[in-house]
Amino acid sequence: MSLDREAVKAAIRSKVIELAQALDIDARGLADSDIIPATGLLDSTAILELVVWYEQTYDFPLKQDEINIDNLGSIDAMTDFLLSRKRG
């Protein structure tokens, strides 16, 4: 799995769109900086699915205190957090 910034963003965006589609919601207009929980595009179950997918896809186990809006709230935040931890 590539850790190229744009590839990571594209993968996260694709997963958000897939999860929203399962709820009959079109998330294609989501901006990278939009706070995902605040958009209403995903319900709490879908957000949990997104976090689990993120951990599994990038072999990136999260600590409880890391699961927050600052680290996982948007596509940009998820990408930045992953890249800073994997490269740091």
C-alpha atoms as a PDB file:
ATOM      1  CA  MET A   1       0.000   0.000   0.000  1.00  0.00           C
ATOM      2  CA  SER A   2       1.465   3.317  -1.067  1.00  0.00           C
ATOM      3  CA  LEU A   3       1.962   6.055   1.469  1.00  0.00           C
ATOM      4  CA  ASP A   4       1.946   8.691  -1.216  1.00  0.00           C
ATOM      5  CA  ARG A   5      -0.125  11.600   0.141  1.00  0.00           C
ATOM      6  CA  GLU A   6      -2.499  11.782  -2.813  1.00  0.00           C
ATOM      7  CA  ALA A   7      -2.940   7.991  -2.919  1.00  0.00           C
ATOM      8  CA  VAL A   8      -3.817   7.916   0.786  1.00  0.00           C
ATOM      9  CA  LYS A   9      -6.297  10.768   0.372  1.00  0.00           C
ATOM     10  CA  ALA A  10      -7.881   9.043  -2.622  1.00  0.00           C
ATOM     11  CA  ALA A  11      -8.240   5.771  -0.719  1.00  0.00           C
ATOM     12  CA  ILE A  12      -9.839   7.474   2.295  1.00  0.00           C
ATOM     13  CA  ARG A  13     -12.171   9.474   0.062  1.00  0.00           C
ATOM     14  CA  SER A  14     -13.186   6.303  -1.779  1.00  0.00           C
ATOM     15  CA  LYS A  15     -13.999   4.533   1.493  1.00  0.00           C
ATOM     16  CA  VAL A  16     -16.059   7.483   2.774  1.00  0.00           C
ATOM     17  CA  ILE A  17     -18.010   7.557  -0.500  1.00  0.00           C
ATOM     18  CA  GLU A  18     -18.562   3.778  -0.312  1.00  0.00           C
ATOM     19  CA  LEU A  19     -19.818   3.971   3.291  1.00  0.00           C
ATOM     20  CA  ALA A  20     -22.107   6.903   2.479  1.00  0.00           C
ATOM     21  CA  GLN A  21     -23.515   5.077  -0.572  1.00  0.00           C
ATOM     22  CA  ALA A  22     -24.534   2.217   1.721  1.00  0.00           C
ATOM     23  CA  LEU A  23     -26.664   4.830   3.534  1.00  0.00           C
ATOM     24  CA  ASP A  24     -28.076   6.128   0.219  1.00  0.00           C
ATOM     25  CA  ILE A  25     -26.083   9.342   0.543  1.00  0.00           C
ATOM     26  CA  ASP A  26     -23.899  10.912  -2.158  1.00  0.00           C
ATOM     27  CA  ALA A  27     -20.599  11.957  -0.558  1.00  0.00           C
ATOM     28  CA  ARG A  28     -18.734  12.762  -3.778  1.00  0.00           C
ATOM     29  CA  GLY A  29     -18.783  16.476  -2.936  1.00  0.00           C
ATOM     30  CA  LEU A  30     -16.915  16.005   0.346  1.00  0.00           C
ATOM     31  CA  ALA A  31     -13.918  18.344   0.582  1.00  0.00           C
ATOM     32  CA  ASP A  32     -10.660  17.040   2.034  1.00  0.00           C
ATOM     33  CA  SER A  33     -10.948  19.534   4.898  1.00  0.00           C
ATOM     34  CA  ASP A  34     -14.616  18.863   5.748  1.00  0.00           C
ATOM     35  CA  ILE A  35     -15.126  17.463   9.250  1.00  0.00           C
ATOM     36  CA  ILE A  36     -16.684  14.113   8.370  1.00  0.00           C
ATOM     37  CA  PRO A  37     -18.849  13.630  11.486  1.00  0.00           C
ATOM     38  CA  ALA A  38     -20.206  17.183  11.154  1.00  0.00           C
ATOM     39  CA  THR A  39     -21.265  16.660   7.527  1.00  0.00           C
ATOM     40  CA  GLY A  40     -23.932  14.109   8.404  1.00  0.00           C
ATOM     41  CA  LEU A  41     -22.753  11.930   5.509  1.00  0.00           C
ATOM     42  CA  LEU A  42     -21.921   9.005   7.790  1.00  0.00           C
ATOM     43  CA  ASP A  43     -23.737   7.696  10.827  1.00  0.00           C
ATOM     44  CA  SER A  44     -21.866   6.525  13.927  1.00  0.00           C
ATOM     45  CA  THR A  45     -21.650   2.944  12.673  1.00  0.00           C
ATOM     46  CA  ALA A  46     -20.160   4.053   9.347  1.00  0.00           C
ATOM     47  CA  ILE A  47     -17.644   6.284  11.149  1.00  0.00           C
ATOM     48  CA  LEU A  48     -16.570   3.307  13.243  1.00  0.00           C
ATOM     49  CA  GLU A  49     -16.273   1.221  10.062  1.00  0.00           C
ATOM     50  CA  LEU A  50     -14.087   3.953   8.557  1.00  0.00           C
ATOM     51  CA  VAL A  51     -11.753   3.940  11.574  1.00  0.00           C
ATOM     52  CA  VAL A  52     -11.478   0.141  11.557  1.00  0.00           C
ATOM     53  CA  TRP A  53     -10.804   0.162   7.796  1.00  0.00           C
ATOM     54  CA  TYR A  54      -8.123   2.860   8.306  1.00  0.00           C
ATOM     55  CA  GLU A  55      -6.368   0.824  10.993  1.00  0.00           C
ATOM     56  CA  GLN A  56      -6.463  -2.390   8.961  1.00  0.00           C
ATOM     57  CA  THR A  57      -5.626  -0.921   5.574  1.00  0.00           C
ATOM     58  CA  TYR A  58      -2.558   0.930   6.797  1.00  0.00           C
ATOM     59  CA  ASP A  59      -1.563  -1.537   9.546  1.00  0.00           C
ATOM     60  CA  PHE A  60      -1.957   1.393  11.882  1.00  0.00           C
ATOM     61  CA  PRO A  61      -3.352   0.444  15.306  1.00  0.00           C
ATOM     62  CA  LEU A  62      -4.747   3.457  17.117  1.00  0.00           C
ATOM     63  CA  LYS A  63      -4.653   4.147  20.826  1.00  0.00           C
ATOM     64  CA  GLN A  64      -7.942   5.217  22.397  1.00  0.00           C
ATOM     65  CA  ASP A  65      -6.708   8.787  22.952  1.00  0.00           C
ATOM     66  CA  GLU A  66      -5.722   9.092  19.276  1.00  0.00           C
ATOM     67  CA  ILE A  67      -9.286   8.552  18.066  1.00  0.00           C
ATOM     68  CA  ASN A  68     -10.410  12.163  17.915  1.00  0.00           C
ATOM     69  CA  ILE A  69     -11.437  14.903  15.504  1.00  0.00           C
ATOM     70  CA  ASP A  70      -7.928  16.370  15.336  1.00  0.00           C
ATOM     71  CA  ASN A  71      -6.466  13.096  14.043  1.00  0.00           C
ATOM     72  CA  LEU A  72      -9.389  11.509  12.213  1.00  0.00           C
ATOM     73  CA  GLY A  73     -11.978  14.208  11.583  1.00  0.00           C
ATOM     74  CA  SER A  74     -11.299  14.871   7.912  1.00  0.00           C
ATOM     75  CA  ILE A  75      -9.569  13.320   4.939  1.00  0.00           C
ATOM     76  CA  ASP A  76      -6.708  15.797   5.412  1.00  0.00           C
ATOM     77  CA  ALA A  77      -6.447  15.029   9.141  1.00  0.00           C
ATOM     78  CA  MET A  78      -6.440  11.264   8.583  1.00  0.00           C
ATOM     79  CA  THR A  79      -3.792  11.580   5.892  1.00  0.00           C
ATOM     80  CA  ASP A  80      -1.575  13.934   7.890  1.00  0.00           C
ATOM     81  CA  PHE A  81      -1.828  11.791  11.036  1.00  0.00           C
ATOM     82  CA  LEU A  82      -0.972   8.593   9.185  1.00  0.00           C
ATOM     83  CA  LEU A  83       1.953  10.085   7.301  1.00  0.00           C
ATOM     84  CA  SER A  84       3.410  11.808  10.367  1.00  0.00           C
ATOM     85  CA  ARG A  85       3.310   8.587  12.390  1.00  0.00           C
ATOM     86  CA  LYS A  86       4.467   6.235   9.634  1.00  0.00           C
ATOM     87  CA  ARG A  87       7.310   8.487   8.501  1.00  0.00           C
ATOM     88  CA  GLY A  88       8.212   9.816  11.936  1.00  0.00           C
END
